[in-house]
């Protein structure tokens, strides 16, 4: 798989570079150091805090939610 090194922007290849997606150990360590020194941050929370308070049954994708305007769609020609 071909890619661009996120640190130095040189082309990398998963077949050739042991530190893929980085081109070298130096670039890999620079990236690790940036995370460790908090230069990089995740801007959005992984989980929506509001969704944690919703009961499981409301997240059920198989749950049927009746449509109020169901009768109106019966006369529609598709």
C-alpha atoms as a PDB file:
ATOM      1  CA  UNK A   1       0.000   0.000   0.000  1.00  0.00           C
ATOM      2  CA  UNK A   2       1.411   3.378  -0.977  1.00  0.00           C
ATOM      3  CA  UNK A   3       1.030   6.416   1.248  1.00  0.00           C
ATOM      4  CA  UNK A   4       2.665   9.745   2.120  1.00  0.00           C
ATOM      5  CA  UNK A   5       4.600  10.029   5.381  1.00  0.00           C
ATOM      6  CA  UNK A   6       2.542  12.300   7.673  1.00  0.00           C
ATOM      7  CA  UNK A   7       5.718  13.897   9.092  1.00  0.00           C
ATOM      8  CA  UNK A   8       8.075  14.574   6.155  1.00  0.00           C
ATOM      9  CA  UNK A   9       5.638  13.982   3.253  1.00  0.00           C
ATOM     10  CA  UNK A  10       7.940  11.506   1.475  1.00  0.00           C
ATOM     11  CA  UNK A  11       6.295   8.588  -0.368  1.00  0.00           C
ATOM     12  CA  UNK A  12       6.102   5.380   1.676  1.00  0.00           C
ATOM     13  CA  UNK A  13       5.158   1.841   0.822  1.00  0.00           C
ATOM     14  CA  UNK A  14       3.890  -0.832   3.220  1.00  0.00           C
ATOM     15  CA  UNK A  15       5.923  -3.480   1.368  1.00  0.00           C
ATOM     16  CA  UNK A  16       9.162  -1.504   1.685  1.00  0.00           C
ATOM     17  CA  UNK A  17       8.976   0.540   4.888  1.00  0.00           C
ATOM     18  CA  UNK A  18       8.945  -1.282   8.226  1.00  0.00           C
ATOM     19  CA  UNK A  19       7.654   1.864   9.969  1.00  0.00           C
ATOM     20  CA  UNK A  20       4.711   2.322   7.589  1.00  0.00           C
ATOM     21  CA  UNK A  21       2.826   4.679   7.319  1.00  0.00           C
ATOM     22  CA  UNK A  22       5.974   6.569   8.276  1.00  0.00           C
ATOM     23  CA  UNK A  23       9.040   6.477   6.054  1.00  0.00           C
ATOM     24  CA  UNK A  24      11.497   5.903   8.907  1.00  0.00           C
ATOM     25  CA  UNK A  25      11.859   5.275  12.607  1.00  0.00           C
ATOM     26  CA  UNK A  26      12.771   8.960  13.049  1.00  0.00           C
ATOM     27  CA  UNK A  27       9.417  10.120  11.616  1.00  0.00           C
ATOM     28  CA  UNK A  28       7.557   7.511  13.667  1.00  0.00           C
ATOM     29  CA  UNK A  29       9.246   8.735  16.864  1.00  0.00           C
ATOM     30  CA  UNK A  30       8.593  12.392  15.997  1.00  0.00           C
ATOM     31  CA  UNK A  31       4.899  11.565  15.625  1.00  0.00           C
ATOM     32  CA  UNK A  32       4.869   9.655  18.918  1.00  0.00           C
ATOM     33  CA  UNK A  33       6.580  12.600  20.631  1.00  0.00           C
ATOM     34  CA  UNK A  34       3.955  15.001  19.262  1.00  0.00           C
ATOM     35  CA  UNK A  35       1.186  12.859  20.769  1.00  0.00           C
ATOM     36  CA  UNK A  36       3.058  12.538  24.075  1.00  0.00           C
ATOM     37  CA  UNK A  37       3.577  16.304  24.337  1.00  0.00           C
ATOM     38  CA  UNK A  38      -0.108  16.874  23.473  1.00  0.00           C
ATOM     39  CA  UNK A  39       0.600  18.759  20.237  1.00  0.00           C
ATOM     40  CA  UNK A  40      -2.087  16.530  18.724  1.00  0.00           C
ATOM     41  CA  UNK A  41      -5.544  16.320  20.279  1.00  0.00           C
ATOM     42  CA  UNK A  42      -8.756  14.550  19.414  1.00  0.00           C
ATOM     43  CA  UNK A  43     -11.173  17.402  18.808  1.00  0.00           C
ATOM     44  CA  UNK A  44     -14.457  15.531  19.228  1.00  0.00           C
ATOM     45  CA  UNK A  45     -15.364  13.133  22.013  1.00  0.00           C
ATOM     46  CA  UNK A  46     -15.463   9.505  20.932  1.00  0.00           C
ATOM     47  CA  UNK A  47     -18.894   9.040  22.501  1.00  0.00           C
ATOM     48  CA  UNK A  48     -21.670  11.580  22.594  1.00  0.00           C
ATOM     49  CA  UNK A  49     -22.266  12.264  26.277  1.00  0.00           C
ATOM     50  CA  UNK A  50     -26.022  12.682  25.688  1.00  0.00           C
ATOM     51  CA  UNK A  51     -26.315   9.210  24.116  1.00  0.00           C
ATOM     52  CA  UNK A  52     -24.872   7.555  27.234  1.00  0.00           C
ATOM     53  CA  UNK A  53     -28.029   8.518  29.158  1.00  0.00           C
ATOM     54  CA  UNK A  54     -30.495   7.062  26.601  1.00  0.00           C
ATOM     55  CA  UNK A  55     -31.827   3.587  27.507  1.00  0.00           C
ATOM     56  CA  UNK A  56     -30.747   0.664  25.310  1.00  0.00           C
ATOM     57  CA  UNK A  57     -34.222   0.081  23.883  1.00  0.00           C
ATOM     58  CA  UNK A  58     -34.167   3.501  22.208  1.00  0.00           C
ATOM     59  CA  UNK A  59     -31.019   2.523  20.269  1.00  0.00           C
ATOM     60  CA  UNK A  60     -32.593  -0.689  18.925  1.00  0.00           C
ATOM     61  CA  UNK A  61     -32.421  -0.450  15.089  1.00  0.00           C
ATOM     62  CA  UNK A  62     -35.251  -3.028  14.797  1.00  0.00           C
ATOM     63  CA  UNK A  63     -37.629  -0.938  16.865  1.00  0.00           C
ATOM     64  CA  UNK A  64     -40.655   0.155  14.828  1.00  0.00           C
ATOM     65  CA  UNK A  65     -41.410   3.872  14.931  1.00  0.00           C
ATOM     66  CA  UNK A  66     -44.877   4.640  13.556  1.00  0.00           C
ATOM     67  CA  UNK A  67     -45.132   7.399  10.995  1.00  0.00           C
ATOM     68  CA  UNK A  68     -47.885   9.953  11.562  1.00  0.00           C
ATOM     69  CA  UNK A  69     -48.401  10.607   7.867  1.00  0.00           C
ATOM     70  CA  UNK A  70     -48.437   6.974   6.720  1.00  0.00           C
ATOM     71  CA  UNK A  71     -51.940   7.293   5.168  1.00  0.00           C
ATOM     72  CA  UNK A  72     -50.831  10.239   3.047  1.00  0.00           C
ATOM     73  CA  UNK A  73     -48.136   8.149   1.316  1.00  0.00           C
ATOM     74  CA  UNK A  74     -50.574   5.390   0.289  1.00  0.00           C
ATOM     75  CA  UNK A  75     -51.959   7.456  -2.617  1.00  0.00           C
ATOM     76  CA  UNK A  76     -48.544   8.481  -3.921  1.00  0.00           C
ATOM     77  CA  UNK A  77     -47.503   6.969  -7.271  1.00  0.00           C
ATOM     78  CA  UNK A  78     -43.863   5.879  -7.304  1.00  0.00           C
END
